[in-house]
Amino acid sequence: MLKKWFGKKEETVRKLERPEDLKVGDMFELVDSFGLPRELRGQSFRIAEINSYEYQHEKETEFLLEGPSGEAFHMTIENDDGERWVNFTVKVERDEVESLFDMDAFSQVFDEEPGNPVINVVNESNDYERWLAESYRIEGDWSRGYFHKGDYRSKTYSKYEEDEKGEPFECVSLVSDDDMHSVEISVWSDGETEVNLCVTRPIADIKELYGKTST
């Protein structure tokens, strides 16, 4: 796979120290760890696209990954009081959500006063091995954000340019007891609801970084 994207010329590869600095066209390799979902374990991925999320007090960079299976995965890097973690997410469709979770509890997440329901996984599907915890609870309240197409790490969001205002959404997280798995729920301005499964892993699970320069 590395030869496929990079070829044989070493001069086309630039050195990378941190996954936060990945650009479109760069690659990375994951360790062969049993803690990773099988679709990620020991695999190499190319950065196909970079997009950004704007929140009230922070912004988040999201990497769209292109890998051997052809399935779409996303990645974000999290810095928690000096500890760095990598989050991998995969989207699940509505019928899968209804199959995986206790929907009586899951539906409470959308109530005006949801309380603190325990959302149990009722079907441990082999399709989502290592993506799921046994149960989740709501973390925090619903929050508002904006999705921006493109990489905004080196620039600021404009409040005035029409094409940079971003697409608004509201979101909430369901988190496992060990904080290593979550379910990310987003409701977009057109009413579409998106559900993603997320697994959080140590940054050391990223084994190698490969930077590609322009030819």
Protein backbone atom coordinates (compact mmCIF):
# COMPACT_ATOMS: atom_id res chain seq x y z
CA MET A 1 0.00 0.00 0.00
CA LEU A 2 2.85 2.40 0.81
CA LYS A 3 4.41 1.82 -2.60
CA LYS A 4 1.03 2.35 -4.24
CA TRP A 5 0.70 5.87 -2.84
CA PHE A 6 4.30 6.98 -2.42
CA GLY A 7 6.20 5.13 -5.13
CA LYS A 8 9.88 4.35 -4.67
CA LYS A 9 11.44 7.82 -4.49
CA GLU A 10 12.50 8.64 -0.95
CA GLU A 11 12.75 12.34 -1.77
CA THR A 12 8.94 12.52 -2.05
CA VAL A 13 8.52 11.70 1.65
CA ARG A 14 8.72 14.49 4.25
CA LYS A 15 9.34 13.74 7.91
CA LEU A 16 6.41 13.90 10.33
CA GLU A 17 6.69 13.97 14.11
CA ARG A 18 3.04 14.29 15.23
CA PRO A 19 -0.25 12.96 13.80
CA GLU A 20 -1.76 16.41 14.42
CA ASP A 21 0.37 17.63 11.49
CA LEU A 22 -0.92 15.15 8.92
CA LYS A 23 -2.01 16.62 5.60
CA VAL A 24 -4.05 15.29 2.70
CA GLY A 25 -2.01 12.61 0.95
CA ASP A 26 0.02 11.68 4.05
CA MET A 27 -0.19 8.22 5.55
CA PHE A 28 0.13 6.50 8.91
CA GLU A 29 0.35 2.93 10.16
CA LEU A 30 -1.35 1.50 13.25
CA VAL A 31 0.00 -1.10 15.64
CA ASP A 32 -1.37 -4.63 15.52
CA SER A 33 -3.16 -4.30 18.87
CA PHE A 34 -6.07 -6.46 20.00
CA GLY A 35 -7.56 -3.34 21.57
CA LEU A 36 -8.25 -1.86 18.13
CA PRO A 37 -11.22 -2.84 15.97
CA ARG A 38 -10.16 -5.48 13.48
CA GLU A 39 -10.66 -3.10 10.52
CA LEU A 40 -7.96 -0.82 11.97
CA ARG A 41 -5.58 -3.33 13.52
CA GLY A 42 -2.13 -3.20 11.89
CA GLN A 43 -3.47 -1.30 8.88
CA SER A 44 -2.12 1.70 6.96
CA PHE A 45 -4.33 4.64 6.07
CA ARG A 46 -4.06 7.63 3.76
CA ILE A 47 -5.49 11.03 4.67
CA ALA A 48 -8.15 11.56 2.00
CA GLU A 49 -9.74 14.75 3.35
CA ILE A 50 -9.49 17.16 6.29
CA ASN A 51 -12.47 19.03 7.73
CA SER A 52 -13.12 21.16 10.80
CA TYR A 53 -15.65 21.54 13.60
CA GLU A 54 -16.17 24.83 15.41
CA TYR A 55 -17.50 24.93 18.96
CA GLN A 56 -17.92 27.79 21.41
CA HIS A 57 -14.52 27.42 23.03
CA GLU A 58 -12.58 25.14 20.70
CA LYS A 59 -12.15 23.79 17.21
CA GLU A 60 -11.56 20.22 16.14
CA THR A 61 -9.77 18.84 13.09
CA GLU A 62 -11.20 15.67 11.56
CA PHE A 63 -9.24 13.41 9.21
CA LEU A 64 -11.10 11.25 6.68
CA LEU A 65 -9.17 8.00 6.29
CA GLU A 66 -8.73 5.92 3.15
CA GLY A 67 -7.73 2.34 3.86
CA PRO A 68 -7.59 -1.13 2.35
CA SER A 69 -11.22 -2.03 3.13
CA GLY A 70 -12.70 1.01 1.40
CA GLU A 71 -14.87 1.73 4.46
CA ALA A 72 -15.00 5.34 5.67
CA PHE A 73 -13.34 5.99 9.03
CA HIS A 74 -12.65 9.33 10.66
CA MET A 75 -9.94 10.30 13.13
CA THR A 76 -9.42 13.14 15.60
CA ILE A 77 -6.57 13.82 18.02
CA GLU A 78 -7.45 14.81 21.59
CA ASN A 79 -5.23 16.53 24.15
CA ASP A 80 -6.53 15.97 27.68
CA ASP A 81 -4.39 17.83 30.24
CA GLY A 82 -1.20 16.90 28.41
CA GLU A 83 -2.28 13.34 27.58
CA ARG A 84 -2.83 12.74 23.89
CA TRP A 85 -5.39 10.27 22.58
CA VAL A 86 -6.58 9.27 19.14
CA ASN A 87 -10.29 8.84 18.41
CA PHE A 88 -11.51 6.68 15.53
CA THR A 89 -15.15 6.86 14.44
CA VAL A 90 -17.40 4.93 12.10
CA LYS A 91 -20.92 5.89 11.04
CA VAL A 92 -23.86 3.57 11.74
CA GLU A 93 -27.16 3.71 9.87
CA ARG A 94 -30.55 4.07 11.53
CA ASP A 95 -31.53 0.41 11.20
CA GLU A 96 -28.21 -0.58 12.76
CA VAL A 97 -28.76 1.81 15.67
CA GLU A 98 -32.17 0.23 16.30
CA SER A 99 -30.58 -3.21 16.25
CA LEU A 100 -27.61 -2.41 18.49
CA PHE A 101 -29.15 -0.37 21.32
CA ASP A 102 -32.00 -0.48 23.80
CA MET A 103 -34.14 2.04 21.94
CA ASP A 104 -36.36 2.89 24.90
CA ALA A 105 -33.29 4.24 26.69
CA PHE A 106 -31.67 5.61 23.53
CA SER A 107 -34.74 7.70 22.67
CA GLN A 108 -34.53 9.42 26.07
CA VAL A 109 -31.38 11.17 24.85
CA PHE A 110 -33.61 13.38 22.69
CA ASP A 111 -35.97 14.38 25.53
CA GLU A 112 -35.86 17.98 26.81
CA GLU A 113 -34.88 16.61 30.22
CA PRO A 114 -33.25 13.24 29.45
CA GLY A 115 -32.06 12.55 32.98
CA ASN A 116 -29.26 10.00 33.13
CA PRO A 117 -30.44 6.83 31.40
CA VAL A 118 -28.19 3.81 30.96
CA ILE A 119 -28.11 2.94 27.25
CA ASN A 120 -27.32 -0.75 26.95
CA VAL A 121 -26.03 -2.55 23.89
CA VAL A 122 -28.51 -5.36 23.23
CA ASN A 123 -26.89 -6.89 20.16
CA GLU A 124 -23.12 -7.38 20.15
CA SER A 125 -22.78 -7.47 16.39
CA ASN A 126 -19.60 -8.98 14.96
CA ASP A 127 -19.66 -6.12 12.46
CA TYR A 128 -18.68 -3.77 15.29
CA GLU A 129 -16.19 -5.85 17.24
CA ARG A 130 -14.20 -3.56 19.58
CA TRP A 131 -16.28 -0.55 18.54
CA LEU A 132 -18.86 -1.03 21.30
CA ALA A 133 -18.92 -0.96 25.09
CA GLU A 134 -21.58 -2.81 27.08
CA SER A 135 -23.40 0.38 28.09
CA TYR A 136 -23.23 4.18 27.90
CA ARG A 137 -24.40 7.27 29.77
CA ILE A 138 -24.98 10.82 28.54
CA GLU A 139 -21.95 13.07 29.01
CA GLY A 140 -22.88 16.72 29.46
CA ASP A 141 -25.63 18.59 27.67
CA TRP A 142 -26.43 19.05 24.01
CA SER A 143 -24.07 21.62 22.48
CA ARG A 144 -24.08 23.62 19.28
CA GLY A 145 -21.36 23.64 16.66
CA TYR A 146 -20.56 24.38 13.02
CA PHE A 147 -19.07 22.09 10.41
CA HIS A 148 -16.55 23.67 8.04
CA LYS A 149 -15.42 21.96 4.87
CA GLY A 150 -11.65 22.10 4.73
CA ASP A 151 -8.62 22.44 6.98
CA TYR A 152 -8.75 25.41 9.38
CA ARG A 153 -5.75 24.61 11.55
CA SER A 154 -3.77 27.60 10.27
CA LYS A 155 -6.64 30.05 9.78
CA THR A 156 -9.62 31.42 11.67
CA TYR A 157 -13.31 31.07 10.92
CA SER A 158 -14.92 34.10 9.34
CA LYS A 159 -18.17 35.39 10.84
CA TYR A 160 -18.87 37.41 7.70
CA GLU A 161 -17.91 35.35 4.65
CA GLU A 162 -21.00 33.41 3.62
CA ASP A 163 -19.06 30.33 2.50
CA GLU A 164 -17.16 30.13 5.83
CA LYS A 165 -20.05 30.37 8.29
CA GLY A 166 -20.29 26.61 8.41
CA GLU A 167 -23.19 24.20 8.66
CA PRO A 168 -24.84 24.31 12.11
CA PHE A 169 -25.58 21.21 14.16
CA GLU A 170 -26.30 20.13 17.72
CA CYS A 171 -24.50 17.21 19.30
CA VAL A 172 -24.22 15.09 22.42
CA SER A 173 -21.95 12.22 23.49
CA LEU A 174 -22.80 8.93 25.16
CA VAL A 175 -19.75 7.62 27.00
CA SER A 176 -18.79 4.25 28.48
CA ASP A 177 -17.74 3.89 32.13
CA ASP A 178 -14.05 3.64 31.17
CA ASP A 179 -14.25 6.64 28.77
CA MET A 180 -12.70 4.55 25.98
CA HIS A 181 -15.86 4.16 23.90
CA SER A 182 -18.51 6.68 22.97
CA VAL A 183 -21.50 7.22 20.73
CA GLU A 184 -21.49 10.62 19.03
CA ILE A 185 -24.93 11.93 18.03
CA SER A 186 -25.34 14.95 15.75
CA VAL A 187 -28.57 16.58 14.57
CA TRP A 188 -28.13 18.81 11.52
CA SER A 189 -30.11 21.86 10.46
CA ASP A 190 -32.13 19.85 7.93
CA GLY A 191 -33.25 17.42 10.68
CA GLU A 192 -30.89 14.60 9.71
CA THR A 193 -29.57 12.66 12.69
CA GLU A 194 -26.11 11.09 12.43
CA VAL A 195 -24.79 8.45 14.82
CA ASN A 196 -21.13 7.47 15.03
CA LEU A 197 -19.38 4.86 17.13
CA CYS A 198 -16.08 6.04 18.56
CA VAL A 199 -13.16 4.18 20.11
CA THR A 200 -10.46 6.11 22.00
CA ARG A 201 -6.92 4.74 21.98
CA PRO A 202 -3.47 5.84 23.22
CA ILE A 203 -1.63 8.00 20.72
CA ALA A 204 1.12 5.32 20.70
CA ASP A 205 -1.23 3.13 18.63
CA ILE A 206 -0.10 5.23 15.68
CA LYS A 207 3.08 3.33 14.87
CA GLU A 208 4.52 5.27 11.93
CA LEU A 209 3.83 8.51 10.08
CA TYR A 210 4.61 9.04 6.41
CA GLY A 211 4.51 12.55 4.99
CA LYS A 212 4.17 13.09 1.28
CA THR A 213 5.34 16.28 -0.39
CA SER A 214 4.19 17.67 -3.71
CA THR A 215 5.92 16.29 -6.77
